[in-house]
């Protein structure tokens, strides 16, 4: 009985590890952000700071 419980526990641990490493969840993009991308802040020519913004 102990061996059966140990095998079951080991199988549960292995399955949990496999499911946690399967990758990211793919979700359809929302229509508002479908073509937008975040541009981080940067220095433009002349030393002018441009803050981060959505570009779309």
C-alpha atoms as a PDB file:
ATOM      1  CA  UNK A   1       0.000   0.000   0.000  1.00  0.00           C
ATOM      2  CA  UNK A   2       2.854   2.415   0.796  1.00  0.00           C
ATOM      3  CA  UNK A   3       4.488   1.704  -2.524  1.00  0.00           C
ATOM      4  CA  UNK A   4       1.230   2.459  -4.355  1.00  0.00           C
ATOM      5  CA  UNK A   5       0.872   5.767  -2.486  1.00  0.00           C
ATOM      6  CA  UNK A   6       4.488   6.670  -3.257  1.00  0.00           C
ATOM      7  CA  UNK A   7       3.970   5.938  -6.963  1.00  0.00           C
ATOM      8  CA  UNK A   8       0.771   8.016  -6.972  1.00  0.00           C
ATOM      9  CA  UNK A   9       2.493  10.933  -5.250  1.00  0.00           C
ATOM     10  CA  UNK A  10       5.420  10.747  -7.657  1.00  0.00           C
ATOM     11  CA  UNK A  11       3.070  10.695 -10.621  1.00  0.00           C
ATOM     12  CA  UNK A  12       1.227  13.746  -9.254  1.00  0.00           C
ATOM     13  CA  UNK A  13       4.512  15.645  -8.828  1.00  0.00           C
ATOM     14  CA  UNK A  14       5.654  14.769 -12.347  1.00  0.00           C
ATOM     15  CA  UNK A  15       2.297  15.774 -13.867  1.00  0.00           C
ATOM     16  CA  UNK A  16       2.354  19.070 -11.978  1.00  0.00           C
ATOM     17  CA  UNK A  17       5.867  19.803 -13.237  1.00  0.00           C
ATOM     18  CA  UNK A  18       4.913  18.975 -16.815  1.00  0.00           C
ATOM     19  CA  UNK A  19       1.796  21.148 -16.720  1.00  0.00           C
ATOM     20  CA  UNK A  20       3.692  24.076 -15.193  1.00  0.00           C
ATOM     21  CA  UNK A  21       6.312  23.977 -17.972  1.00  0.00           C
ATOM     22  CA  UNK A  22       3.975  23.727 -20.952  1.00  0.00           C
ATOM     23  CA  UNK A  23       4.276  27.410 -21.886  1.00  0.00           C
ATOM     24  CA  UNK A  24       2.137  30.495 -21.886  1.00  0.00           C
ATOM     25  CA  UNK A  25      -1.606  30.694 -22.299  1.00  0.00           C
ATOM     26  CA  UNK A  26      -2.649  32.154 -25.642  1.00  0.00           C
ATOM     27  CA  UNK A  27      -5.465  34.666 -25.412  1.00  0.00           C
ATOM     28  CA  UNK A  28      -6.999  36.556 -28.314  1.00  0.00           C
ATOM     29  CA  UNK A  29      -6.007  40.248 -28.245  1.00  0.00           C
ATOM     30  CA  UNK A  30      -8.596  42.848 -27.336  1.00  0.00           C
ATOM     31  CA  UNK A  31      -9.724  44.944 -30.314  1.00  0.00           C
ATOM     32  CA  UNK A  32      -8.534  48.209 -28.738  1.00  0.00           C
ATOM     33  CA  UNK A  33      -4.938  46.994 -28.296  1.00  0.00           C
ATOM     34  CA  UNK A  34      -4.763  44.753 -31.367  1.00  0.00           C
ATOM     35  CA  UNK A  35      -2.351  46.998 -33.304  1.00  0.00           C
ATOM     36  CA  UNK A  36      -0.753  48.953 -30.450  1.00  0.00           C
ATOM     37  CA  UNK A  37       2.721  48.469 -29.049  1.00  0.00           C
ATOM     38  CA  UNK A  38       4.363  50.042 -25.987  1.00  0.00           C
ATOM     39  CA  UNK A  39       7.334  52.252 -26.809  1.00  0.00           C
ATOM     40  CA  UNK A  40       9.566  52.796 -23.752  1.00  0.00           C
ATOM     41  CA  UNK A  41      11.024  56.195 -22.955  1.00  0.00           C
ATOM     42  CA  UNK A  42      14.148  57.270 -24.825  1.00  0.00           C
ATOM     43  CA  UNK A  43      16.336  60.265 -25.609  1.00  0.00           C
ATOM     44  CA  UNK A  44      15.621  61.806 -29.006  1.00  0.00           C
ATOM     45  CA  UNK A  45      18.306  63.670 -30.987  1.00  0.00           C
ATOM     46  CA  UNK A  46      19.235  66.871 -29.201  1.00  0.00           C
ATOM     47  CA  UNK A  47      18.942  65.297 -25.741  1.00  0.00           C
ATOM     48  CA  UNK A  48      15.136  65.598 -25.513  1.00  0.00           C
ATOM     49  CA  UNK A  49      13.492  62.941 -23.309  1.00  0.00           C
ATOM     50  CA  UNK A  50      10.489  61.249 -24.925  1.00  0.00           C
ATOM     51  CA  UNK A  51       8.412  59.415 -22.304  1.00  0.00           C
ATOM     52  CA  UNK A  52       6.957  55.963 -22.834  1.00  0.00           C
ATOM     53  CA  UNK A  53       3.717  55.790 -24.781  1.00  0.00           C
ATOM     54  CA  UNK A  54       1.428  53.503 -26.763  1.00  0.00           C
ATOM     55  CA  UNK A  55       2.093  53.636 -30.494  1.00  0.00           C
ATOM     56  CA  UNK A  56      -0.611  52.298 -32.751  1.00  0.00           C
END
